Amino acid sequence: MSVPKAFTISRIFKAPRELVFKMHTEPEHMAKWLGPPGSTVIKADMDLRVGGSYHYGVRTQDGHEMWGKQIYREILVPEKLVFVQSFSDRDGGLTRHPMSPSWPRQMLSTVTFEDLGGTTKLTINWIPLDPDDAEADTFNNAQGNLAMGFKGSFDQLENYLAAF
């Protein structure tokens, strides 16, 4: 049986924790940095409460659309967010990754915001929920690509935060 390895990535941002948290909990701000570089957020509906969701759509530069959904499990302002992340359709129904059919259907995501006295250490931890062997293997083999993808989003977030 394959066991998924947790994926964890951190970055220090030159912004107060409350502001970095706000960038993750207000859709109008998330639209400015979330997603692959050059993409456009085409939908961002958020109900920020335990049991609530964030349903979003992103259009890449080549016109491809990707949809996602987060269901919030824990919200500790401004310290932590815990949610289940999945790909979705435009109506919010659970789907498979559009380019990787063996990608895990659901990911447990924990995002922490550590106050470093004027700067913030943001840490994201992902682990598949109840993956089968193929999903665990796909996730384990994708960790390098995940790091590159998050780096792109972190770069965009850093640039966006510079305006505040």
N, C-alpha and C. Protein backbone atom coordinates (compact mmCIF):
# COMPACT_ATOMS: atom_id res chain seq x y z
N MET A 1 0.84 -1.19 0.00
CA MET A 1 0.00 0.00 0.00
C MET A 1 0.88 1.25 0.00
N SER A 2 0.59 2.18 -0.88
CA SER A 2 1.33 3.44 -0.96
C SER A 2 0.83 4.40 0.11
N VAL A 3 1.78 5.09 0.70
CA VAL A 3 1.46 6.06 1.75
C VAL A 3 1.84 7.45 1.24
N PRO A 4 0.91 8.41 1.28
CA PRO A 4 1.25 9.74 0.81
C PRO A 4 2.18 10.45 1.80
N LYS A 5 3.13 11.19 1.24
CA LYS A 5 4.02 12.03 2.06
C LYS A 5 3.42 13.43 2.07
N ALA A 6 3.34 14.02 3.24
CA ALA A 6 2.82 15.38 3.33
C ALA A 6 3.72 16.31 2.52
N PHE A 7 3.10 17.27 1.87
CA PHE A 7 3.83 18.32 1.17
C PHE A 7 3.72 19.59 2.01
N THR A 8 4.87 20.17 2.34
CA THR A 8 4.90 21.39 3.15
C THR A 8 5.81 22.39 2.48
N ILE A 9 5.34 23.64 2.42
CA ILE A 9 6.14 24.72 1.86
C ILE A 9 5.90 25.97 2.70
N SER A 10 6.96 26.74 2.91
CA SER A 10 6.88 27.97 3.71
C SER A 10 7.55 29.12 2.97
N ARG A 11 7.13 30.32 3.34
CA ARG A 11 7.77 31.53 2.82
C ARG A 11 7.53 32.65 3.81
N ILE A 12 8.51 33.51 3.95
CA ILE A 12 8.39 34.68 4.82
C ILE A 12 8.03 35.88 3.94
N PHE A 13 6.96 36.57 4.34
CA PHE A 13 6.49 37.74 3.62
C PHE A 13 6.73 38.99 4.46
N LYS A 14 7.13 40.05 3.80
CA LYS A 14 7.40 41.33 4.47
C LYS A 14 6.08 42.08 4.63
N ALA A 15 5.22 41.53 5.48
CA ALA A 15 3.90 42.12 5.74
C ALA A 15 3.41 41.57 7.08
N PRO A 16 2.60 42.34 7.78
CA PRO A 16 2.05 41.84 9.05
C PRO A 16 1.12 40.65 8.83
N ARG A 17 1.06 39.81 9.84
CA ARG A 17 0.26 38.59 9.77
C ARG A 17 -1.19 38.87 9.41
N GLU A 18 -1.80 39.90 9.98
CA GLU A 18 -3.20 40.20 9.71
C GLU A 18 -3.43 40.47 8.23
N LEU A 19 -2.47 41.16 7.59
CA LEU A 19 -2.60 41.46 6.16
C LEU A 19 -2.45 40.20 5.31
N VAL A 20 -1.48 39.36 5.64
CA VAL A 20 -1.29 38.12 4.88
C VAL A 20 -2.50 37.21 5.04
N PHE A 21 -3.06 37.15 6.24
CA PHE A 21 -4.28 36.37 6.46
C PHE A 21 -5.43 36.93 5.61
N LYS A 22 -5.56 38.25 5.60
CA LYS A 22 -6.61 38.90 4.81
C LYS A 22 -6.49 38.53 3.33
N MET A 23 -5.28 38.44 2.83
CA MET A 23 -5.05 38.10 1.42
C MET A 23 -5.53 36.69 1.09
N HIS A 24 -5.68 35.84 2.12
CA HIS A 24 -6.14 34.46 1.95
C HIS A 24 -7.62 34.28 2.27
N THR A 25 -8.27 35.35 2.73
CA THR A 25 -9.66 35.18 3.18
C THR A 25 -10.62 36.19 2.56
N GLU A 26 -10.13 37.02 1.66
CA GLU A 26 -11.01 37.96 0.96
C GLU A 26 -10.83 37.74 -0.54
N PRO A 27 -11.89 37.27 -1.22
CA PRO A 27 -11.76 36.87 -2.62
C PRO A 27 -11.26 37.97 -3.55
N GLU A 28 -11.58 39.23 -3.25
CA GLU A 28 -11.11 40.30 -4.12
C GLU A 28 -9.59 40.42 -4.07
N HIS A 29 -8.98 40.06 -2.95
CA HIS A 29 -7.52 40.05 -2.87
C HIS A 29 -6.95 38.77 -3.48
N MET A 30 -7.58 37.64 -3.21
CA MET A 30 -7.10 36.36 -3.74
C MET A 30 -7.06 36.39 -5.27
N ALA A 31 -8.00 37.10 -5.86
CA ALA A 31 -8.06 37.18 -7.33
C ALA A 31 -6.82 37.86 -7.92
N LYS A 32 -6.10 38.60 -7.11
CA LYS A 32 -4.92 39.33 -7.60
C LYS A 32 -3.64 38.50 -7.60
N TRP A 33 -3.64 37.36 -6.90
CA TRP A 33 -2.39 36.59 -6.80
C TRP A 33 -2.56 35.07 -6.92
N LEU A 34 -3.74 34.56 -6.71
CA LEU A 34 -3.95 33.11 -6.71
C LEU A 34 -3.95 32.55 -8.12
N GLY A 35 -3.27 31.46 -8.32
CA GLY A 35 -3.29 30.79 -9.61
C GLY A 35 -1.98 30.93 -10.35
N PRO A 36 -1.86 30.22 -11.45
CA PRO A 36 -0.63 30.28 -12.24
C PRO A 36 -0.38 31.71 -12.73
N PRO A 37 0.89 32.10 -12.84
CA PRO A 37 1.20 33.44 -13.36
C PRO A 37 0.52 33.67 -14.72
N GLY A 38 -0.08 34.84 -14.86
CA GLY A 38 -0.76 35.19 -16.10
C GLY A 38 -2.20 34.74 -16.17
N SER A 39 -2.67 34.01 -15.17
CA SER A 39 -4.06 33.55 -15.19
C SER A 39 -4.98 34.63 -14.64
N THR A 40 -6.27 34.44 -14.89
CA THR A 40 -7.29 35.38 -14.45
C THR A 40 -8.33 34.62 -13.64
N VAL A 41 -8.69 35.15 -12.48
CA VAL A 41 -9.76 34.55 -11.69
C VAL A 41 -11.09 34.96 -12.32
N ILE A 42 -11.91 33.97 -12.67
CA ILE A 42 -13.18 34.24 -13.34
C ILE A 42 -14.39 34.05 -12.43
N LYS A 43 -14.16 33.45 -11.26
CA LYS A 43 -15.22 33.32 -10.26
C LYS A 43 -14.55 33.20 -8.91
N ALA A 44 -15.15 33.83 -7.91
CA ALA A 44 -14.62 33.76 -6.55
C ALA A 44 -15.75 33.98 -5.56
N ASP A 45 -16.41 32.91 -5.16
CA ASP A 45 -17.50 32.97 -4.20
C ASP A 45 -17.02 32.37 -2.88
N MET A 46 -17.07 33.17 -1.82
CA MET A 46 -16.56 32.71 -0.53
C MET A 46 -17.60 32.88 0.56
N ASP A 47 -17.72 31.84 1.37
CA ASP A 47 -18.52 31.84 2.59
C ASP A 47 -17.55 31.41 3.69
N LEU A 48 -16.84 32.38 4.28
CA LEU A 48 -15.75 32.10 5.22
C LEU A 48 -16.31 31.82 6.61
N ARG A 49 -16.59 30.55 6.83
CA ARG A 49 -17.05 30.05 8.13
C ARG A 49 -16.82 28.55 8.13
N VAL A 50 -16.72 27.96 9.30
CA VAL A 50 -16.58 26.52 9.37
C VAL A 50 -17.80 25.89 8.69
N GLY A 51 -17.54 25.01 7.73
CA GLY A 51 -18.60 24.41 6.93
C GLY A 51 -18.89 25.18 5.66
N GLY A 52 -18.41 26.41 5.58
CA GLY A 52 -18.58 27.23 4.38
C GLY A 52 -17.56 26.86 3.32
N SER A 53 -17.64 27.53 2.18
CA SER A 53 -16.77 27.16 1.07
C SER A 53 -16.24 28.36 0.32
N TYR A 54 -15.21 28.11 -0.44
CA TYR A 54 -14.67 29.05 -1.41
C TYR A 54 -14.67 28.31 -2.74
N HIS A 55 -15.48 28.78 -3.68
CA HIS A 55 -15.57 28.17 -5.01
C HIS A 55 -15.02 29.18 -6.00
N TYR A 56 -14.05 28.73 -6.78
CA TYR A 56 -13.37 29.67 -7.67
C TYR A 56 -13.07 29.02 -9.02
N GLY A 57 -12.90 29.88 -10.00
CA GLY A 57 -12.49 29.46 -11.33
C GLY A 57 -11.33 30.32 -11.80
N VAL A 58 -10.41 29.70 -12.51
CA VAL A 58 -9.23 30.38 -13.03
C VAL A 58 -9.13 30.08 -14.52
N ARG A 59 -8.87 31.12 -15.31
CA ARG A 59 -8.63 30.94 -16.75
C ARG A 59 -7.16 31.22 -17.01
N THR A 60 -6.46 30.25 -17.61
CA THR A 60 -5.05 30.41 -17.91
C THR A 60 -4.89 31.25 -19.17
N GLN A 61 -3.66 31.66 -19.44
CA GLN A 61 -3.39 32.50 -20.61
C GLN A 61 -3.83 31.85 -21.91
N ASP A 62 -3.78 30.52 -21.97
CA ASP A 62 -4.17 29.83 -23.20
C ASP A 62 -5.68 29.54 -23.27
N GLY A 63 -6.44 30.08 -22.29
CA GLY A 63 -7.89 29.94 -22.31
C GLY A 63 -8.45 28.75 -21.58
N HIS A 64 -7.59 27.90 -21.00
CA HIS A 64 -8.03 26.73 -20.26
C HIS A 64 -8.64 27.17 -18.92
N GLU A 65 -9.75 26.59 -18.54
CA GLU A 65 -10.38 26.90 -17.25
C GLU A 65 -10.16 25.76 -16.27
N MET A 66 -9.86 26.13 -15.03
CA MET A 66 -9.77 25.17 -13.93
C MET A 66 -10.63 25.71 -12.79
N TRP A 67 -11.33 24.80 -12.14
CA TRP A 67 -12.24 25.15 -11.07
C TRP A 67 -11.81 24.43 -9.80
N GLY A 68 -12.01 25.08 -8.67
CA GLY A 68 -11.66 24.47 -7.39
C GLY A 68 -12.64 24.85 -6.32
N LYS A 69 -12.58 24.09 -5.24
CA LYS A 69 -13.47 24.33 -4.12
C LYS A 69 -12.75 23.98 -2.83
N GLN A 70 -12.94 24.82 -1.85
CA GLN A 70 -12.42 24.59 -0.51
C GLN A 70 -13.60 24.55 0.45
N ILE A 71 -13.61 23.58 1.34
CA ILE A 71 -14.62 23.50 2.39
C ILE A 71 -13.89 23.72 3.71
N TYR A 72 -14.24 24.78 4.41
CA TYR A 72 -13.52 25.16 5.63
C TYR A 72 -13.86 24.27 6.81
N ARG A 73 -12.80 23.78 7.47
CA ARG A 73 -12.95 22.96 8.68
C ARG A 73 -12.59 23.73 9.94
N GLU A 74 -11.62 24.64 9.82
CA GLU A 74 -11.17 25.41 10.98
C GLU A 74 -10.70 26.78 10.50
N ILE A 75 -11.11 27.81 11.24
CA ILE A 75 -10.69 29.18 10.94
C ILE A 75 -10.29 29.80 12.27
N LEU A 76 -9.02 30.13 12.40
CA LEU A 76 -8.51 30.77 13.60
C LEU A 76 -7.83 32.07 13.16
N VAL A 77 -8.60 33.16 13.22
CA VAL A 77 -8.14 34.47 12.74
C VAL A 77 -7.08 35.00 13.72
N PRO A 78 -5.96 35.50 13.26
CA PRO A 78 -5.34 35.44 11.93
C PRO A 78 -4.25 34.38 11.86
N GLU A 79 -4.45 33.25 12.52
CA GLU A 79 -3.39 32.26 12.70
C GLU A 79 -3.43 31.05 11.79
N LYS A 80 -4.63 30.58 11.45
CA LYS A 80 -4.69 29.30 10.76
C LYS A 80 -5.99 29.13 9.98
N LEU A 81 -5.86 28.45 8.83
CA LEU A 81 -7.00 27.99 8.05
C LEU A 81 -6.81 26.51 7.79
N VAL A 82 -7.85 25.73 7.96
CA VAL A 82 -7.84 24.31 7.61
C VAL A 82 -9.05 24.07 6.72
N PHE A 83 -8.80 23.45 5.57
CA PHE A 83 -9.90 23.20 4.64
C PHE A 83 -9.60 21.98 3.79
N VAL A 84 -10.65 21.44 3.20
CA VAL A 84 -10.52 20.35 2.23
C VAL A 84 -10.55 21.00 0.86
N GLN A 85 -9.49 20.77 0.09
CA GLN A 85 -9.32 21.33 -1.25
C GLN A 85 -9.63 20.26 -2.29
N SER A 86 -10.38 20.63 -3.32
CA SER A 86 -10.64 19.69 -4.41
C SER A 86 -10.82 20.46 -5.71
N PHE A 87 -10.71 19.75 -6.80
CA PHE A 87 -11.09 20.32 -8.09
C PHE A 87 -12.61 20.22 -8.17
N SER A 88 -13.18 21.13 -8.94
CA SER A 88 -14.64 21.12 -9.06
C SER A 88 -15.01 21.48 -10.50
N ASP A 89 -16.31 21.41 -10.75
CA ASP A 89 -16.83 21.94 -12.00
C ASP A 89 -17.31 23.36 -11.74
N ARG A 90 -17.82 24.02 -12.75
CA ARG A 90 -18.23 25.42 -12.57
C ARG A 90 -19.41 25.57 -11.63
N ASP A 91 -20.13 24.46 -11.35
CA ASP A 91 -21.24 24.51 -10.41
C ASP A 91 -20.85 24.13 -8.99
N GLY A 92 -19.57 23.79 -8.78
CA GLY A 92 -19.10 23.43 -7.44
C GLY A 92 -19.12 21.95 -7.14
N GLY A 93 -19.48 21.11 -8.12
CA GLY A 93 -19.46 19.67 -7.91
C GLY A 93 -18.04 19.13 -7.93
N LEU A 94 -17.76 18.16 -7.10
CA LEU A 94 -16.43 17.55 -7.00
C LEU A 94 -16.06 16.86 -8.31
N THR A 95 -14.85 17.13 -8.81
CA THR A 95 -14.36 16.49 -10.03
C THR A 95 -12.92 16.05 -9.83
N ARG A 96 -12.39 15.41 -10.84
CA ARG A 96 -10.99 15.02 -10.88
C ARG A 96 -10.16 16.16 -11.45
N HIS A 97 -8.88 16.12 -11.18
CA HIS A 97 -7.94 17.07 -11.78
C HIS A 97 -8.10 16.98 -13.29
N PRO A 98 -8.25 18.12 -13.99
CA PRO A 98 -8.52 18.06 -15.42
C PRO A 98 -7.38 17.49 -16.27
N MET A 99 -6.17 17.47 -15.73
CA MET A 99 -5.03 16.96 -16.51
C MET A 99 -4.35 15.77 -15.85
N SER A 100 -4.87 15.32 -14.71
CA SER A 100 -4.26 14.19 -14.01
C SER A 100 -5.35 13.36 -13.34
N PRO A 101 -5.87 12.35 -14.06
CA PRO A 101 -6.98 11.57 -13.51
C PRO A 101 -6.65 10.79 -12.24
N SER A 102 -5.35 10.60 -11.94
CA SER A 102 -5.00 9.89 -10.71
C SER A 102 -4.60 10.84 -9.58
N TRP A 103 -4.84 12.15 -9.78
CA TRP A 103 -4.59 13.10 -8.70
C TRP A 103 -5.60 12.84 -7.58
N PRO A 104 -5.22 12.96 -6.30
CA PRO A 104 -6.18 12.74 -5.21
C PRO A 104 -7.40 13.64 -5.34
N ARG A 105 -8.55 13.07 -5.05
CA ARG A 105 -9.80 13.83 -5.19
C ARG A 105 -9.92 14.93 -4.14
N GLN A 106 -9.39 14.69 -2.96
CA GLN A 106 -9.48 15.68 -1.90
C GLN A 106 -8.16 15.77 -1.15
N MET A 107 -7.81 17.03 -0.80
CA MET A 107 -6.58 17.30 -0.06
C MET A 107 -6.95 18.01 1.23
N LEU A 108 -6.35 17.59 2.33
CA LEU A 108 -6.49 18.34 3.57
C LEU A 108 -5.40 19.40 3.55
N SER A 109 -5.81 20.66 3.62
CA SER A 109 -4.89 21.79 3.55
C SER A 109 -4.89 22.52 4.88
N THR A 110 -3.70 22.74 5.40
CA THR A 110 -3.53 23.52 6.62
C THR A 110 -2.60 24.68 6.29
N VAL A 111 -3.07 25.88 6.52
CA VAL A 111 -2.31 27.09 6.22
C VAL A 111 -2.11 27.82 7.55
N THR A 112 -0.85 28.05 7.92
CA THR A 112 -0.57 28.77 9.17
C THR A 112 0.13 30.08 8.85
N PHE A 113 -0.13 31.06 9.70
CA PHE A 113 0.39 32.41 9.56
C PHE A 113 1.11 32.74 10.87
N GLU A 114 2.44 32.71 10.83
CA GLU A 114 3.23 32.93 12.04
C GLU A 114 3.76 34.36 12.06
N ASP A 115 3.42 35.08 13.14
CA ASP A 115 3.85 36.47 13.31
C ASP A 115 5.32 36.48 13.70
N LEU A 116 6.13 37.12 12.87
CA LEU A 116 7.56 37.24 13.15
C LEU A 116 7.93 38.69 13.47
N GLY A 117 6.99 39.45 14.00
CA GLY A 117 7.26 40.83 14.37
C GLY A 117 7.38 41.75 13.18
N GLY A 118 6.33 41.88 12.42
CA GLY A 118 6.32 42.74 11.24
C GLY A 118 6.41 41.97 9.94
N THR A 119 6.90 40.76 10.00
CA THR A 119 6.87 39.87 8.84
C THR A 119 6.05 38.64 9.23
N THR A 120 5.72 37.85 8.23
CA THR A 120 4.86 36.68 8.46
C THR A 120 5.43 35.46 7.77
N LYS A 121 5.54 34.38 8.52
CA LYS A 121 5.90 33.09 7.92
C LYS A 121 4.61 32.36 7.59
N LEU A 122 4.41 32.15 6.29
CA LEU A 122 3.24 31.42 5.79
C LEU A 122 3.69 29.99 5.51
N THR A 123 2.97 29.03 6.07
CA THR A 123 3.29 27.62 5.83
C THR A 123 2.02 26.92 5.34
N ILE A 124 2.17 26.18 4.26
CA ILE A 124 1.07 25.40 3.70
C ILE A 124 1.45 23.92 3.77
N ASN A 125 0.53 23.12 4.29
CA ASN A 125 0.72 21.68 4.38
C ASN A 125 -0.44 21.02 3.67
N TRP A 126 -0.12 20.12 2.74
CA TRP A 126 -1.14 19.37 1.99
C TRP A 126 -0.91 17.88 2.22
N ILE A 127 -2.00 17.16 2.39
CA ILE A 127 -1.95 15.70 2.48
C ILE A 127 -3.25 15.16 1.87
N PRO A 128 -3.17 14.17 0.99
CA PRO A 128 -4.40 13.61 0.41
C PRO A 128 -5.27 12.96 1.48
N LEU A 129 -6.58 13.09 1.31
CA LEU A 129 -7.54 12.43 2.18
C LEU A 129 -7.94 11.09 1.56
N ASP A 130 -7.73 10.01 2.26
CA ASP A 130 -8.13 8.67 1.84
C ASP A 130 -7.74 8.34 0.40
N PRO A 131 -6.46 8.53 0.04
CA PRO A 131 -6.07 8.22 -1.34
C PRO A 131 -5.95 6.72 -1.58
N ASP A 132 -6.23 6.31 -2.82
CA ASP A 132 -5.89 4.95 -3.19
C ASP A 132 -4.40 4.94 -3.56
N ASP A 133 -3.86 3.79 -3.90
CA ASP A 133 -2.42 3.69 -4.18
C ASP A 133 -1.99 4.59 -5.34
N ALA A 134 -2.78 4.64 -6.41
CA ALA A 134 -2.42 5.47 -7.56
C ALA A 134 -2.41 6.94 -7.18
N GLU A 135 -3.39 7.37 -6.39
CA GLU A 135 -3.45 8.77 -5.96
C GLU A 135 -2.27 9.12 -5.06
N ALA A 136 -1.93 8.24 -4.13
CA ALA A 136 -0.79 8.48 -3.25
C ALA A 136 0.50 8.57 -4.06
N ASP A 137 0.68 7.66 -5.01
CA ASP A 137 1.89 7.68 -5.85
C ASP A 137 1.95 8.95 -6.69
N THR A 138 0.83 9.34 -7.28
CA THR A 138 0.79 10.57 -8.09
C THR A 138 1.16 11.77 -7.25
N PHE A 139 0.59 11.87 -6.06
CA PHE A 139 0.88 12.99 -5.17
C PHE A 139 2.36 12.99 -4.76
N ASN A 140 2.86 11.84 -4.37
CA ASN A 140 4.27 11.77 -3.95
C ASN A 140 5.21 12.16 -5.08
N ASN A 141 4.89 11.75 -6.30
CA ASN A 141 5.75 12.05 -7.44
C ASN A 141 5.62 13.49 -7.93
N ALA A 142 4.60 14.21 -7.47
CA ALA A 142 4.35 15.57 -7.95
C ALA A 142 4.90 16.65 -7.01
N GLN A 143 5.60 16.26 -5.97
CA GLN A 143 6.00 17.24 -4.96
C GLN A 143 6.92 18.33 -5.52
N GLY A 144 7.79 18.01 -6.44
CA GLY A 144 8.63 19.03 -7.06
C GLY A 144 7.81 20.02 -7.86
N ASN A 145 6.83 19.52 -8.61
CA ASN A 145 5.94 20.41 -9.37
C ASN A 145 5.08 21.28 -8.45
N LEU A 146 4.65 20.70 -7.33
CA LEU A 146 3.88 21.49 -6.36
C LEU A 146 4.72 22.65 -5.84
N ALA A 147 5.97 22.38 -5.53
CA ALA A 147 6.86 23.44 -5.02
C ALA A 147 7.00 24.56 -6.05
N MET A 148 7.15 24.20 -7.32
CA MET A 148 7.27 25.23 -8.37
C MET A 148 5.96 26.02 -8.51
N GLY A 149 4.84 25.33 -8.45
CA GLY A 149 3.55 26.01 -8.57
C GLY A 149 3.30 26.97 -7.42
N PHE A 150 3.58 26.53 -6.20
CA PHE A 150 3.41 27.42 -5.06
C PHE A 150 4.38 28.59 -5.12
N LYS A 151 5.59 28.36 -5.61
CA LYS A 151 6.55 29.46 -5.73
C LYS A 151 5.98 30.56 -6.63
N GLY A 152 5.36 30.18 -7.74
CA GLY A 152 4.76 31.16 -8.63
C GLY A 152 3.67 31.96 -7.94
N SER A 153 2.80 31.28 -7.20
CA SER A 153 1.74 31.99 -6.47
C SER A 153 2.33 32.86 -5.36
N PHE A 154 3.34 32.34 -4.66
CA PHE A 154 3.99 33.13 -3.60
C PHE A 154 4.65 34.37 -4.17
N ASP A 155 5.27 34.25 -5.34
CA ASP A 155 5.88 35.42 -5.98
C ASP A 155 4.81 36.47 -6.29
N GLN A 156 3.68 36.02 -6.80
CA GLN A 156 2.59 36.95 -7.11
C GLN A 156 2.03 37.59 -5.84
N LEU A 157 1.91 36.80 -4.77
CA LEU A 157 1.43 37.34 -3.50
C LEU A 157 2.42 38.37 -2.97
N GLU A 158 3.70 38.07 -3.03
CA GLU A 158 4.71 39.01 -2.57
C GLU A 158 4.64 40.34 -3.33
N ASN A 159 4.49 40.26 -4.65
CA ASN A 159 4.36 41.47 -5.46
C ASN A 159 3.10 42.24 -5.12
N TYR A 160 2.00 41.54 -4.90
CA TYR A 160 0.74 42.19 -4.55
C TYR A 160 0.83 42.86 -3.17
N LEU A 161 1.45 42.17 -2.21
CA LEU A 161 1.59 42.74 -0.86
C LEU A 161 2.42 44.01 -0.86
N ALA A 162 3.33 44.16 -1.81
CA ALA A 162 4.19 45.34 -1.87
C ALA A 162 3.39 46.63 -2.07
N ALA A 163 2.16 46.51 -2.55
CA ALA A 163 1.31 47.68 -2.78
C ALA A 163 0.65 48.18 -1.49
N PHE A 164 0.80 47.43 -0.41
CA PHE A 164 0.11 47.79 0.85
C PHE A 164 1.08 48.36 1.87
